[in-house]
Each structure stands twice: as structure tokens, then as C-alpha cells.
């Protein structure tokens, strides 16, 4: 079974790779605590939940993943293709549902199951 999901990633100083397309040298990421990343992600989730911005538009602007250029879309993936915590979060969602915060080695995510 495969799922399709989009995500919004906020990296922090404990992320396995402390750099991103938004912060290639990791200047901001290496200073961001996990708690600060959580606060940032929860503020993003609140904006999406309030209808102030779409998931894809926000992911395109603020996600620390290169999938941001596709509105956070990761495409289809099956078991064993993603980090376990992320995969568990994505597979647990119904199509159209958005997760709470999912903590992986890459950072903190909000996942939107799209198919």
C-alpha cells in the first residue's frame, strides 16, 4: 500500500542535517531549539486551521524541506521509504487529514495525507 502526503518541516539544532534551502549554512537552524521549532510549527498549524493560508502555500514559503518547491508534496511512497516516525504519522492519517506534530530525525513536521 502506498500513500501520498505533503509536509511542512521545521528543522532545529538537533536535526540530523542542520541546513536547508532556506538556510544553506544552517545559521538559523543551529540556533533554533526544539522547543522554538515546536512553537513555530504550532503557529503554522494554527494559521492553516484558521483558514488564513493553505497548507501548500505555507509549505512553499517556510518548510525546511526541498519539497517546499512542490508545496510540500512528497508524492507517493510505501512502507520503508521514509523515516519510521514520519511514515507512521502519514500512514495513520485518513485522506484529507492533517497530523499534529510528528518528530523525526529530520526535525518536526506537520503531515497532510493527500491520497
N, C-alpha and C. Protein backbone atom coordinates (compact mmCIF):
# COMPACT_ATOMS: atom_id res chain seq x y z
N UNK A 1 0.84 -1.19 0.00
CA UNK A 1 0.00 0.00 0.00
C UNK A 1 0.88 1.25 0.00
N UNK A 2 0.52 2.20 -0.83
CA UNK A 2 1.22 3.47 -0.86
C UNK A 2 0.27 4.58 -0.43
N UNK A 3 0.86 5.65 0.09
CA UNK A 3 0.11 6.86 0.43
C UNK A 3 0.78 8.03 -0.27
N UNK A 4 0.06 9.12 -0.35
CA UNK A 4 0.65 10.37 -0.84
C UNK A 4 0.46 11.38 0.27
N UNK A 5 1.51 12.14 0.52
CA UNK A 5 1.44 13.11 1.61
C UNK A 5 2.29 14.33 1.27
N UNK A 6 1.91 15.41 1.90
CA UNK A 6 2.69 16.65 1.88
C UNK A 6 3.11 16.91 3.32
N UNK A 7 4.16 17.68 3.48
CA UNK A 7 4.55 18.01 4.85
C UNK A 7 5.17 19.39 4.90
N UNK A 8 5.20 19.91 6.10
CA UNK A 8 5.87 21.16 6.41
C UNK A 8 6.88 20.81 7.49
N UNK A 9 8.15 21.04 7.21
CA UNK A 9 9.24 20.66 8.11
C UNK A 9 9.87 21.90 8.72
N UNK A 10 10.07 21.86 10.04
CA UNK A 10 10.84 22.88 10.73
C UNK A 10 12.02 22.17 11.40
N UNK A 11 13.21 22.50 10.92
CA UNK A 11 14.43 21.90 11.49
C UNK A 11 14.86 22.68 12.71
N UNK A 12 15.65 22.02 13.56
CA UNK A 12 16.17 22.63 14.78
C UNK A 12 17.58 22.13 15.00
N UNK A 13 18.22 22.60 16.06
CA UNK A 13 19.62 22.27 16.29
C UNK A 13 19.87 20.77 16.48
N UNK A 14 18.86 19.99 16.77
CA UNK A 14 19.02 18.55 16.93
C UNK A 14 18.72 17.77 15.66
N UNK A 15 18.37 18.45 14.58
CA UNK A 15 18.07 17.78 13.32
C UNK A 15 19.33 17.14 12.74
N UNK A 16 19.14 16.02 12.05
CA UNK A 16 20.31 15.29 11.54
C UNK A 16 21.11 16.08 10.52
N UNK A 17 20.49 16.96 9.80
CA UNK A 17 21.20 17.84 8.87
C UNK A 17 20.73 19.26 9.13
N UNK A 18 21.57 20.04 9.78
CA UNK A 18 21.18 21.39 10.21
C UNK A 18 21.40 22.42 9.12
N UNK A 19 20.78 22.19 7.96
CA UNK A 19 20.80 23.15 6.86
C UNK A 19 19.58 22.86 5.99
N UNK A 20 19.18 23.84 5.20
CA UNK A 20 18.05 23.66 4.29
C UNK A 20 18.17 24.65 3.16
N UNK A 21 17.25 24.56 2.22
CA UNK A 21 17.26 25.51 1.10
C UNK A 21 17.05 26.93 1.59
N UNK A 22 16.33 27.09 2.70
CA UNK A 22 16.10 28.44 3.26
C UNK A 22 17.29 28.93 4.07
N UNK A 23 18.08 28.00 4.57
CA UNK A 23 19.19 28.31 5.47
C UNK A 23 20.38 27.40 5.12
N UNK A 24 20.99 27.62 3.93
CA UNK A 24 22.02 26.70 3.43
C UNK A 24 23.21 26.51 4.36
N UNK A 25 23.54 27.53 5.14
CA UNK A 25 24.68 27.41 6.05
C UNK A 25 24.25 27.00 7.46
N UNK A 26 22.96 26.84 7.68
CA UNK A 26 22.46 26.40 8.98
C UNK A 26 22.56 27.44 10.08
N UNK A 27 22.70 28.70 9.72
CA UNK A 27 22.87 29.76 10.71
C UNK A 27 21.67 29.85 11.66
N UNK A 28 20.47 29.83 11.09
CA UNK A 28 19.25 29.93 11.90
C UNK A 28 18.94 28.58 12.55
N UNK A 29 19.04 27.52 11.76
CA UNK A 29 18.67 26.18 12.26
C UNK A 29 19.52 25.77 13.46
N UNK A 30 20.81 26.02 13.43
CA UNK A 30 21.68 25.60 14.54
C UNK A 30 21.41 26.39 15.82
N UNK A 31 20.71 27.51 15.70
CA UNK A 31 20.35 28.30 16.89
C UNK A 31 18.94 28.01 17.37
N UNK A 32 18.11 27.36 16.54
CA UNK A 32 16.71 27.10 16.88
C UNK A 32 16.63 25.87 17.78
N UNK A 33 16.08 26.05 18.97
CA UNK A 33 15.88 24.91 19.86
C UNK A 33 14.69 24.09 19.37
N UNK A 34 14.60 22.88 19.87
CA UNK A 34 13.47 22.04 19.52
C UNK A 34 12.16 22.68 20.00
N UNK A 35 12.20 23.30 21.18
CA UNK A 35 11.01 23.96 21.71
C UNK A 35 10.59 25.14 20.82
N UNK A 36 11.56 25.89 20.32
CA UNK A 36 11.25 27.01 19.44
C UNK A 36 10.69 26.49 18.11
N UNK A 37 11.24 25.39 17.61
CA UNK A 37 10.72 24.78 16.38
C UNK A 37 9.27 24.32 16.59
N UNK A 38 8.99 23.77 17.75
CA UNK A 38 7.63 23.32 18.08
C UNK A 38 6.68 24.52 18.09
N UNK A 39 7.08 25.60 18.73
CA UNK A 39 6.25 26.80 18.77
C UNK A 39 5.98 27.34 17.37
N UNK A 40 7.02 27.36 16.54
CA UNK A 40 6.88 27.85 15.17
C UNK A 40 5.91 26.97 14.38
N UNK A 41 6.07 25.66 14.51
CA UNK A 41 5.22 24.73 13.79
C UNK A 41 3.77 24.82 14.25
N UNK A 42 3.55 24.97 15.55
CA UNK A 42 2.19 25.09 16.06
C UNK A 42 1.53 26.39 15.57
N UNK A 43 2.31 27.46 15.44
CA UNK A 43 1.77 28.71 14.89
C UNK A 43 1.38 28.52 13.43
N UNK A 44 2.19 27.79 12.67
CA UNK A 44 1.85 27.50 11.28
C UNK A 44 0.56 26.68 11.20
N UNK A 45 0.47 25.67 12.06
CA UNK A 45 -0.72 24.81 12.07
C UNK A 45 -1.97 25.64 12.39
N UNK A 46 -1.85 26.55 13.32
CA UNK A 46 -2.98 27.41 13.69
C UNK A 46 -3.42 28.27 12.51
N UNK A 47 -2.46 28.77 11.73
CA UNK A 47 -2.79 29.58 10.55
C UNK A 47 -3.53 28.75 9.50
N UNK A 48 -3.08 27.49 9.32
CA UNK A 48 -3.76 26.61 8.38
C UNK A 48 -5.16 26.27 8.88
N UNK A 49 -5.26 25.90 10.16
CA UNK A 49 -6.55 25.53 10.75
C UNK A 49 -7.55 26.68 10.69
N UNK A 50 -7.05 27.92 10.82
CA UNK A 50 -7.93 29.09 10.80
C UNK A 50 -8.35 29.46 9.38
N UNK A 51 -7.75 28.82 8.39
CA UNK A 51 -8.09 29.12 7.01
C UNK A 51 -7.40 30.36 6.47
N UNK A 52 -6.38 30.83 7.17
CA UNK A 52 -5.67 32.04 6.74
C UNK A 52 -4.70 31.79 5.60
N UNK A 53 -4.31 30.52 5.41
CA UNK A 53 -3.36 30.15 4.38
C UNK A 53 -3.56 28.67 4.06
N UNK A 54 -3.27 28.29 2.84
CA UNK A 54 -3.37 26.86 2.51
C UNK A 54 -2.09 26.15 2.95
N UNK A 55 -2.21 24.87 3.16
CA UNK A 55 -1.05 24.06 3.54
C UNK A 55 0.05 24.22 2.50
N UNK A 56 -0.29 24.08 1.22
CA UNK A 56 0.71 24.13 0.15
C UNK A 56 1.39 25.50 0.07
N UNK A 57 0.62 26.56 0.19
CA UNK A 57 1.21 27.90 0.13
C UNK A 57 2.18 28.14 1.28
N UNK A 58 1.81 27.72 2.47
CA UNK A 58 2.67 27.92 3.62
C UNK A 58 3.91 27.03 3.53
N UNK A 59 3.73 25.78 3.14
CA UNK A 59 4.88 24.88 2.99
C UNK A 59 5.87 25.44 1.98
N UNK A 60 5.36 26.02 0.89
CA UNK A 60 6.23 26.57 -0.15
C UNK A 60 7.10 27.71 0.38
N UNK A 61 6.59 28.42 1.37
CA UNK A 61 7.32 29.58 1.90
C UNK A 61 8.22 29.24 3.08
N UNK A 62 7.80 28.30 3.94
CA UNK A 62 8.52 28.16 5.21
C UNK A 62 9.09 26.77 5.50
N UNK A 63 8.75 25.75 4.72
CA UNK A 63 9.24 24.41 5.02
C UNK A 63 10.74 24.31 4.78
N UNK A 64 11.43 23.62 5.68
CA UNK A 64 12.87 23.42 5.55
C UNK A 64 13.21 22.23 4.66
N UNK A 65 12.24 21.66 3.98
CA UNK A 65 12.47 20.54 3.07
C UNK A 65 12.46 21.04 1.63
N UNK A 66 13.25 20.42 0.79
CA UNK A 66 13.27 20.83 -0.62
C UNK A 66 11.94 20.57 -1.31
N UNK A 67 11.06 19.76 -0.70
CA UNK A 67 9.72 19.55 -1.25
C UNK A 67 8.90 20.84 -1.20
N UNK A 68 9.40 21.86 -0.53
CA UNK A 68 8.70 23.15 -0.47
C UNK A 68 8.40 23.67 -1.87
N UNK A 69 9.29 23.41 -2.81
CA UNK A 69 9.07 23.91 -4.18
C UNK A 69 7.85 23.25 -4.82
N UNK A 70 7.35 22.17 -4.22
CA UNK A 70 6.13 21.50 -4.69
C UNK A 70 5.01 21.63 -3.66
N UNK A 71 5.06 22.68 -2.85
CA UNK A 71 4.04 22.89 -1.83
C UNK A 71 4.08 21.85 -0.73
N UNK A 72 5.24 21.22 -0.56
CA UNK A 72 5.41 20.20 0.47
C UNK A 72 5.09 18.79 0.01
N UNK A 73 4.65 18.65 -1.25
CA UNK A 73 4.23 17.33 -1.76
C UNK A 73 5.42 16.39 -1.90
N UNK A 74 5.32 15.24 -1.26
CA UNK A 74 6.36 14.21 -1.33
C UNK A 74 6.04 13.12 -2.34
N UNK A 75 4.86 13.20 -2.94
CA UNK A 75 4.45 12.17 -3.88
C UNK A 75 4.01 10.90 -3.15
N UNK A 76 3.91 9.83 -3.91
CA UNK A 76 3.50 8.54 -3.34
C UNK A 76 4.71 7.82 -2.75
N UNK A 77 4.49 7.14 -1.63
CA UNK A 77 5.54 6.32 -1.04
C UNK A 77 4.92 5.17 -0.28
N UNK A 78 5.66 4.11 -0.19
CA UNK A 78 5.21 2.92 0.51
C UNK A 78 6.01 2.69 1.77
N UNK A 79 5.70 1.60 2.46
CA UNK A 79 6.42 1.26 3.70
C UNK A 79 7.92 1.14 3.46
N UNK A 80 8.70 1.66 4.40
CA UNK A 80 10.14 1.55 4.35
C UNK A 80 10.83 2.63 3.53
N UNK A 81 10.07 3.57 3.00
CA UNK A 81 10.67 4.62 2.15
C UNK A 81 10.99 5.90 2.92
N UNK A 82 10.37 6.09 4.06
CA UNK A 82 10.58 7.29 4.86
C UNK A 82 11.06 6.88 6.25
N UNK A 83 11.51 7.87 7.03
CA UNK A 83 11.86 7.59 8.41
C UNK A 83 10.63 7.05 9.13
N UNK A 84 10.84 6.11 10.04
CA UNK A 84 9.74 5.40 10.67
C UNK A 84 8.71 6.33 11.31
N UNK A 85 9.17 7.32 12.07
CA UNK A 85 8.23 8.22 12.75
C UNK A 85 7.36 8.96 11.74
N UNK A 86 7.98 9.41 10.65
CA UNK A 86 7.24 10.12 9.62
C UNK A 86 6.26 9.18 8.93
N UNK A 87 6.75 8.01 8.57
CA UNK A 87 5.91 7.02 7.89
C UNK A 87 4.72 6.62 8.77
N UNK A 88 4.97 6.37 10.04
CA UNK A 88 3.88 6.02 10.95
C UNK A 88 2.83 7.13 11.00
N UNK A 89 3.29 8.37 11.04
CA UNK A 89 2.37 9.50 11.07
C UNK A 89 1.55 9.61 9.81
N UNK A 90 2.18 9.43 8.66
CA UNK A 90 1.49 9.55 7.38
C UNK A 90 0.48 8.43 7.18
N UNK A 91 0.89 7.19 7.48
CA UNK A 91 0.00 6.05 7.27
C UNK A 91 -1.17 6.04 8.24
N UNK A 92 -1.05 6.70 9.38
CA UNK A 92 -2.12 6.73 10.38
C UNK A 92 -3.24 7.70 9.99
N UNK A 93 -2.98 8.59 9.06
CA UNK A 93 -3.96 9.61 8.69
C UNK A 93 -4.94 9.10 7.63
N UNK A 94 -6.15 9.59 7.71
CA UNK A 94 -7.13 9.39 6.65
C UNK A 94 -6.81 10.40 5.54
N UNK A 95 -7.20 10.11 4.32
CA UNK A 95 -7.00 11.05 3.22
C UNK A 95 -7.70 12.37 3.56
N UNK A 96 -6.99 13.46 3.41
CA UNK A 96 -7.52 14.78 3.72
C UNK A 96 -7.24 15.26 5.13
N UNK A 97 -6.73 14.38 5.97
CA UNK A 97 -6.46 14.74 7.37
C UNK A 97 -5.04 15.29 7.54
N UNK A 98 -4.91 16.16 8.53
CA UNK A 98 -3.62 16.75 8.86
C UNK A 98 -3.20 16.27 10.25
N UNK A 99 -1.93 15.93 10.37
CA UNK A 99 -1.41 15.42 11.64
C UNK A 99 -1.18 16.54 12.64
N UNK A 100 -0.92 16.13 13.86
CA UNK A 100 -0.32 17.02 14.83
C UNK A 100 1.17 17.04 14.52
N UNK A 101 1.97 17.41 15.48
CA UNK A 101 3.42 17.46 15.28
C UNK A 101 3.99 16.04 15.27
N UNK A 102 4.78 15.75 14.26
CA UNK A 102 5.48 14.47 14.13
C UNK A 102 6.97 14.76 14.24
N UNK A 103 7.62 14.09 15.19
CA UNK A 103 9.03 14.30 15.49
C UNK A 103 9.86 13.20 14.82
N UNK A 104 10.76 13.59 13.92
CA UNK A 104 11.66 12.63 13.27
C UNK A 104 13.09 13.11 13.40
N UNK A 105 14.03 12.32 12.90
CA UNK A 105 15.43 12.73 12.93
C UNK A 105 15.69 13.98 12.09
N UNK A 106 14.81 14.24 11.13
CA UNK A 106 14.98 15.42 10.27
C UNK A 106 14.50 16.71 10.95
N UNK A 107 13.59 16.59 11.89
CA UNK A 107 13.03 17.76 12.56
C UNK A 107 11.57 17.51 12.90
N UNK A 108 10.81 18.57 13.01
CA UNK A 108 9.40 18.48 13.35
C UNK A 108 8.55 18.74 12.11
N UNK A 109 7.52 17.94 11.93
CA UNK A 109 6.69 18.00 10.74
C UNK A 109 5.22 18.15 11.10
N UNK A 110 4.47 18.73 10.17
CA UNK A 110 3.02 18.56 10.09
C UNK A 110 2.81 17.85 8.76
N UNK A 111 2.03 16.80 8.78
CA UNK A 111 1.80 16.00 7.57
C UNK A 111 0.34 16.13 7.14
N UNK A 112 0.15 16.29 5.84
CA UNK A 112 -1.18 16.31 5.25
C UNK A 112 -1.27 15.11 4.31
N UNK A 113 -2.16 14.18 4.62
CA UNK A 113 -2.34 13.00 3.75
C UNK A 113 -3.23 13.40 2.59
N UNK A 114 -2.73 13.24 1.38
CA UNK A 114 -3.45 13.71 0.20
C UNK A 114 -4.02 12.57 -0.65
N UNK A 115 -3.52 11.35 -0.47
CA UNK A 115 -4.07 10.22 -1.21
C UNK A 115 -3.67 8.91 -0.52
